[in-house]
């Protein structure tokens, strides 16, 4: 069965790292990328097309 691909975008490195560490422990989840800004989120979405984009709505540049 294919893994669920996830990208994490949050401007707080400690929070982002904790989320990544938690998700990495799940055998059916593959972390494909991480970033800190809205521009990075758009770039990641285009480049990797993750199944899930875990996005902080309050990131620099706006989450929406």
PDB file of N, CA and C in Angstrom:
ATOM      1  N   UNK A   1       0.846  -1.184   0.000  1.00  0.00           N
ATOM      2  CA  UNK A   1       0.000   0.000   0.000  1.00  0.00           C
ATOM      3  C   UNK A   1       0.892   1.249   0.000  1.00  0.00           C
ATOM      4  N   UNK A   2       0.583   2.232  -0.830  1.00  0.00           N
ATOM      5  CA  UNK A   2       1.428   3.434  -0.889  1.00  0.00           C
ATOM      6  C   UNK A   2       1.323   4.267   0.381  1.00  0.00           C
ATOM      7  N   UNK A   3       2.408   4.946   0.692  1.00  0.00           N
ATOM      8  CA  UNK A   3       2.434   5.801   1.875  1.00  0.00           C
ATOM      9  C   UNK A   3       1.723   7.121   1.590  1.00  0.00           C
ATOM     10  N   UNK A   4       1.212   7.735   2.644  1.00  0.00           N
ATOM     11  CA  UNK A   4       0.616   9.064   2.558  1.00  0.00           C
ATOM     12  C   UNK A   4       1.761  10.063   2.586  1.00  0.00           C
ATOM     13  N   UNK A   5       1.856  10.901   1.571  1.00  0.00           N
ATOM     14  CA  UNK A   5       2.929  11.892   1.523  1.00  0.00           C
ATOM     15  C   UNK A   5       2.478  13.175   2.218  1.00  0.00           C
ATOM     16  N   UNK A   6       3.367  13.727   3.038  1.00  0.00           N
ATOM     17  CA  UNK A   6       3.046  14.902   3.845  1.00  0.00           C
ATOM     18  C   UNK A   6       4.178  15.921   3.745  1.00  0.00           C
ATOM     19  N   UNK A   7       3.793  17.192   3.623  1.00  0.00           N
ATOM     20  CA  UNK A   7       4.732  18.299   3.719  1.00  0.00           C
ATOM     21  C   UNK A   7       4.300  19.164   4.900  1.00  0.00           C
ATOM     22  N   UNK A   8       5.261  19.670   5.652  1.00  0.00           N
ATOM     23  CA  UNK A   8       4.985  20.480   6.839  1.00  0.00           C
ATOM     24  C   UNK A   8       5.532  21.886   6.617  1.00  0.00           C
ATOM     25  N   UNK A   9       4.655  22.890   6.770  1.00  0.00           N
ATOM     26  CA  UNK A   9       5.067  24.281   6.598  1.00  0.00           C
ATOM     27  C   UNK A   9       4.648  25.078   7.832  1.00  0.00           C
ATOM     28  N   UNK A  10       5.644  25.549   8.578  1.00  0.00           N
ATOM     29  CA  UNK A  10       5.413  26.350   9.779  1.00  0.00           C
ATOM     30  C   UNK A  10       6.655  27.187  10.026  1.00  0.00           C
ATOM     31  N   UNK A  11       6.472  28.420  10.467  1.00  0.00           N
ATOM     32  CA  UNK A  11       7.626  29.299  10.647  1.00  0.00           C
ATOM     33  C   UNK A  11       8.328  29.118  11.984  1.00  0.00           C
ATOM     34  N   UNK A  12       7.847  28.235  12.830  1.00  0.00           N
ATOM     35  CA  UNK A  12       8.483  27.956  14.114  1.00  0.00           C
ATOM     36  C   UNK A  12       9.259  26.637  14.006  1.00  0.00           C
ATOM     37  N   UNK A  13      10.576  26.700  13.939  1.00  0.00           N
ATOM     38  CA  UNK A  13      11.381  25.487  13.710  1.00  0.00           C
ATOM     39  C   UNK A  13      11.180  24.396  14.748  1.00  0.00           C
ATOM     40  N   UNK A  14      11.010  24.759  16.003  1.00  0.00           N
ATOM     41  CA  UNK A  14      10.834  23.751  17.049  1.00  0.00           C
ATOM     42  C   UNK A  14       9.517  23.006  16.861  1.00  0.00           C
ATOM     43  N   UNK A  15       8.455  23.735  16.572  1.00  0.00           N
ATOM     44  CA  UNK A  15       7.151  23.102  16.331  1.00  0.00           C
ATOM     45  C   UNK A  15       7.214  22.226  15.080  1.00  0.00           C
ATOM     46  N   UNK A  16       7.770  22.779  14.016  1.00  0.00           N
ATOM     47  CA  UNK A  16       7.880  22.049  12.749  1.00  0.00           C
ATOM     48  C   UNK A  16       8.659  20.750  12.956  1.00  0.00           C
ATOM     49  N   UNK A  17       9.756  20.823  13.695  1.00  0.00           N
ATOM     50  CA  UNK A  17      10.554  19.636  13.963  1.00  0.00           C
ATOM     51  C   UNK A  17       9.806  18.594  14.766  1.00  0.00           C
ATOM     52  N   UNK A  18       9.047  19.051  15.751  1.00  0.00           N
ATOM     53  CA  UNK A  18       8.257  18.117  16.558  1.00  0.00           C
ATOM     54  C   UNK A  18       7.198  17.401  15.745  1.00  0.00           C
ATOM     55  N   UNK A  19       6.530  18.134  14.871  1.00  0.00           N
ATOM     56  CA  UNK A  19       5.516  17.529  14.000  1.00  0.00           C
ATOM     57  C   UNK A  19       6.176  16.515  13.072  1.00  0.00           C
ATOM     58  N   UNK A  20       7.307  16.892  12.507  1.00  0.00           N
ATOM     59  CA  UNK A  20       8.006  15.984  11.609  1.00  0.00           C
ATOM     60  C   UNK A  20       8.440  14.710  12.327  1.00  0.00           C
ATOM     61  N   UNK A  21       8.957  14.860  13.515  1.00  0.00           N
ATOM     62  CA  UNK A  21       9.405  13.697  14.277  1.00  0.00           C
ATOM     63  C   UNK A  21       8.235  12.767  14.604  1.00  0.00           C
ATOM     64  N   UNK A  22       7.119  13.352  14.961  1.00  0.00           N
ATOM     65  CA  UNK A  22       5.926  12.557  15.274  1.00  0.00           C
ATOM     66  C   UNK A  22       5.430  11.811  14.041  1.00  0.00           C
ATOM     67  N   UNK A  23       5.351  12.512  12.917  1.00  0.00           N
ATOM     68  CA  UNK A  23       4.869  11.879  11.695  1.00  0.00           C
ATOM     69  C   UNK A  23       5.841  10.837  11.167  1.00  0.00           C
ATOM     70  N   UNK A  24       7.128  11.067  11.327  1.00  0.00           N
ATOM     71  CA  UNK A  24       8.142  10.126  10.836  1.00  0.00           C
ATOM     72  C   UNK A  24       8.053   8.775  11.547  1.00  0.00           C
ATOM     73  N   UNK A  25       7.494   8.759  12.728  1.00  0.00           N
ATOM     74  CA  UNK A  25       7.354   7.510  13.482  1.00  0.00           C
ATOM     75  C   UNK A  25       6.229   6.622  12.937  1.00  0.00           C
ATOM     76  N   UNK A  26       5.421   7.173  12.046  1.00  0.00           N
ATOM     77  CA  UNK A  26       4.302   6.408  11.477  1.00  0.00           C
ATOM     78  C   UNK A  26       4.757   5.694  10.209  1.00  0.00           C
ATOM     79  N   UNK A  27       4.600   4.385  10.147  1.00  0.00           N
ATOM     80  CA  UNK A  27       5.122   3.631   9.005  1.00  0.00           C
ATOM     81  C   UNK A  27       4.390   3.908   7.685  1.00  0.00           C
ATOM     82  N   UNK A  28       3.175   4.424   7.743  1.00  0.00           N
ATOM     83  CA  UNK A  28       2.420   4.660   6.507  1.00  0.00           C
ATOM     84  C   UNK A  28       2.460   6.122   6.055  1.00  0.00           C
ATOM     85  N   UNK A  29       3.359   6.920   6.661  1.00  0.00           N
ATOM     86  CA  UNK A  29       3.496   8.329   6.296  1.00  0.00           C
ATOM     87  C   UNK A  29       4.924   8.590   5.820  1.00  0.00           C
ATOM     88  N   UNK A  30       5.021   9.322   4.714  1.00  0.00           N
ATOM     89  CA  UNK A  30       6.327   9.725   4.185  1.00  0.00           C
ATOM     90  C   UNK A  30       6.398  11.251   4.156  1.00  0.00           C
ATOM     91  N   UNK A  31       7.353  11.821   4.874  1.00  0.00           N
ATOM     92  CA  UNK A  31       7.564  13.264   4.856  1.00  0.00           C
ATOM     93  C   UNK A  31       8.328  13.613   3.584  1.00  0.00           C
ATOM     94  N   UNK A  32       7.732  14.467   2.753  1.00  0.00           N
ATOM     95  CA  UNK A  32       8.376  14.784   1.481  1.00  0.00           C
ATOM     96  C   UNK A  32       9.089  16.124   1.495  1.00  0.00           C
ATOM     97  N   UNK A  33       8.708  17.009   2.434  1.00  0.00           N
ATOM     98  CA  UNK A  33       9.362  18.301   2.481  1.00  0.00           C
ATOM     99  C   UNK A  33       8.936  19.060   3.725  1.00  0.00           C
ATOM    100  N   UNK A  34       9.700  20.129   4.019  1.00  0.00           N
ATOM    101  CA  UNK A  34       9.359  21.030   5.119  1.00  0.00           C
ATOM    102  C   UNK A  34       9.835  22.421   4.741  1.00  0.00           C
ATOM    103  N   UNK A  35       9.136  23.424   5.293  1.00  0.00           N
ATOM    104  CA  UNK A  35       9.482  24.805   4.968  1.00  0.00           C
ATOM    105  C   UNK A  35       8.925  25.748   6.016  1.00  0.00           C
ATOM    106  N   UNK A  36       9.244  27.055   5.834  1.00  0.00           N
ATOM    107  CA  UNK A  36       8.858  28.040   6.843  1.00  0.00           C
ATOM    108  C   UNK A  36       8.051  29.217   6.299  1.00  0.00           C
ATOM    109  N   UNK A  37       7.896  29.356   4.983  1.00  0.00           N
ATOM    110  CA  UNK A  37       7.208  30.530   4.437  1.00  0.00           C
ATOM    111  C   UNK A  37       6.117  30.138   3.436  1.00  0.00           C
ATOM    112  N   UNK A  38       5.257  31.102   3.140  1.00  0.00           N
ATOM    113  CA  UNK A  38       4.195  30.875   2.167  1.00  0.00           C
ATOM    114  C   UNK A  38       4.773  30.589   0.782  1.00  0.00           C
ATOM    115  N   UNK A  39       5.823  31.317   0.405  1.00  0.00           N
ATOM    116  CA  UNK A  39       6.458  31.078  -0.894  1.00  0.00           C
ATOM    117  C   UNK A  39       7.003  29.652  -0.979  1.00  0.00           C
ATOM    118  N   UNK A  40       7.598  29.190   0.118  1.00  0.00           N
ATOM    119  CA  UNK A  40       8.104  27.809   0.155  1.00  0.00           C
ATOM    120  C   UNK A  40       6.953  26.813   0.027  1.00  0.00           C
ATOM    121  N   UNK A  41       5.827  27.107   0.664  1.00  0.00           N
ATOM    122  CA  UNK A  41       4.662  26.208   0.608  1.00  0.00           C
ATOM    123  C   UNK A  41       4.185  26.034  -0.826  1.00  0.00           C
ATOM    124  N   UNK A  42       4.127  27.120  -1.575  1.00  0.00           N
ATOM    125  CA  UNK A  42       3.701  27.053  -2.977  1.00  0.00           C
ATOM    126  C   UNK A  42       4.706  26.245  -3.788  1.00  0.00           C
ATOM    127  N   UNK A  43       5.982  26.503  -3.573  1.00  0.00           N
ATOM    128  CA  UNK A  43       7.038  25.774  -4.288  1.00  0.00           C
ATOM    129  C   UNK A  43       6.952  24.276  -3.999  1.00  0.00           C
ATOM    130  N   UNK A  44       6.768  23.939  -2.726  1.00  0.00           N
ATOM    131  CA  UNK A  44       6.684  22.531  -2.322  1.00  0.00           C
ATOM    132  C   UNK A  44       5.460  21.858  -2.929  1.00  0.00           C
ATOM    133  N   UNK A  45       4.334  22.538  -2.879  1.00  0.00           N
ATOM    134  CA  UNK A  45       3.098  21.966  -3.430  1.00  0.00           C
ATOM    135  C   UNK A  45       3.264  21.659  -4.913  1.00  0.00           C
ATOM    136  N   UNK A  46       3.891  22.569  -5.639  1.00  0.00           N
ATOM    137  CA  UNK A  46       4.101  22.354  -7.077  1.00  0.00           C
ATOM    138  C   UNK A  46       5.115  21.244  -7.341  1.00  0.00           C
ATOM    139  N   UNK A  47       6.166  21.195  -6.546  1.00  0.00           N
ATOM    140  CA  UNK A  47       7.255  20.250  -6.798  1.00  0.00           C
ATOM    141  C   UNK A  47       6.943  18.829  -6.352  1.00  0.00           C
ATOM    142  N   UNK A  48       6.247  18.682  -5.226  1.00  0.00           N
ATOM    143  CA  UNK A  48       6.068  17.340  -4.660  1.00  0.00           C
ATOM    144  C   UNK A  48       4.630  16.828  -4.686  1.00  0.00           C
ATOM    145  N   UNK A  49       3.650  17.708  -4.852  1.00  0.00           N
ATOM    146  CA  UNK A  49       2.223  17.333  -4.830  1.00  0.00           C
ATOM    147  C   UNK A  49       1.912  16.382  -3.680  1.00  0.00           C
ATOM    148  N   UNK A  50       2.162  16.814  -2.433  1.00  0.00           N
ATOM    149  CA  UNK A  50       1.908  15.916  -1.304  1.00  0.00           C
ATOM    150  C   UNK A  50       0.421  15.622  -1.141  1.00  0.00           C
ATOM    151  N   UNK A  51       0.115  14.468  -0.558  1.00  0.00           N
ATOM    152  CA  UNK A  51      -1.281  14.137  -0.259  1.00  0.00           C
ATOM    153  C   UNK A  51      -1.838  15.105   0.783  1.00  0.00           C
ATOM    154  N   UNK A  52      -0.983  15.478   1.738  1.00  0.00           N
ATOM    155  CA  UNK A  52      -1.375  16.383   2.824  1.00  0.00           C
ATOM    156  C   UNK A  52      -0.330  17.487   2.939  1.00  0.00           C
ATOM    157  N   UNK A  53      -0.788  18.726   2.996  1.00  0.00           N
ATOM    158  CA  UNK A  53       0.087  19.863   3.251  1.00  0.00           C
ATOM    159  C   UNK A  53      -0.338  20.440   4.591  1.00  0.00           C
ATOM    160  N   UNK A  54       0.453  20.171   5.615  1.00  0.00           N
ATOM    161  CA  UNK A  54       0.168  20.660   6.952  1.00  0.00           C
ATOM    162  C   UNK A  54       0.727  22.082   7.017  1.00  0.00           C
ATOM    163  N   UNK A  55      -0.179  23.074   7.051  1.00  0.00           N
ATOM    164  CA  UNK A  55       0.191  24.453   6.827  1.00  0.00           C
ATOM    165  C   UNK A  55      -0.264  25.341   7.971  1.00  0.00           C
ATOM    166  N   UNK A  56       0.661  26.112   8.525  1.00  0.00           N
ATOM    167  CA  UNK A  56       0.357  27.130   9.524  1.00  0.00           C
ATOM    168  C   UNK A  56      -0.291  28.313   8.796  1.00  0.00           C
ATOM    169  N   UNK A  57      -1.506  28.681   9.180  1.00  0.00           N
ATOM    170  CA  UNK A  57      -2.198  29.784   8.508  1.00  0.00           C
ATOM    171  C   UNK A  57      -1.606  31.133   8.837  1.00  0.00           C
ATOM    172  N   UNK A  58      -0.764  31.222   9.882  1.00  0.00           N
ATOM    173  CA  UNK A  58      -0.173  32.488  10.288  1.00  0.00           C
ATOM    174  C   UNK A  58       1.279  32.654   9.868  1.00  0.00           C
ATOM    175  N   UNK A  59       1.719  31.929   8.843  1.00  0.00           N
ATOM    176  CA  UNK A  59       3.117  32.037   8.409  1.00  0.00           C
ATOM    177  C   UNK A  59       3.363  33.340   7.667  1.00  0.00           C
ATOM    178  N   UNK A  60       4.621  33.794   7.622  1.00  0.00           N
ATOM    179  CA  UNK A  60       4.946  34.984   6.855  1.00  0.00           C
ATOM    180  C   UNK A  60       4.493  34.831   5.395  1.00  0.00           C
ATOM    181  N   UNK A  61       3.795  35.823   4.906  1.00  0.00           N
ATOM    182  CA  UNK A  61       3.263  35.760   3.545  1.00  0.00           C
ATOM    183  C   UNK A  61       1.825  35.291   3.512  1.00  0.00           C
ATOM    184  N   UNK A  62       1.308  34.790   4.633  1.00  0.00           N
ATOM    185  CA  UNK A  62      -0.084  34.336   4.724  1.00  0.00           C
ATOM    186  C   UNK A  62      -0.262  32.887   4.335  1.00  0.00           C
ATOM    187  N   UNK A  63      -0.925  32.133   5.189  1.00  0.00           N
ATOM    188  CA  UNK A  63      -1.136  30.711   4.955  1.00  0.00           C
ATOM    189  C   UNK A  63      -2.223  30.398   3.959  1.00  0.00           C
ATOM    190  N   UNK A  64      -3.170  31.308   3.788  1.00  0.00           N
ATOM    191  CA  UNK A  64      -4.231  31.048   2.830  1.00  0.00           C
ATOM    192  C   UNK A  64      -3.855  31.551   1.460  1.00  0.00           C
TER     193      UNK A  64
END
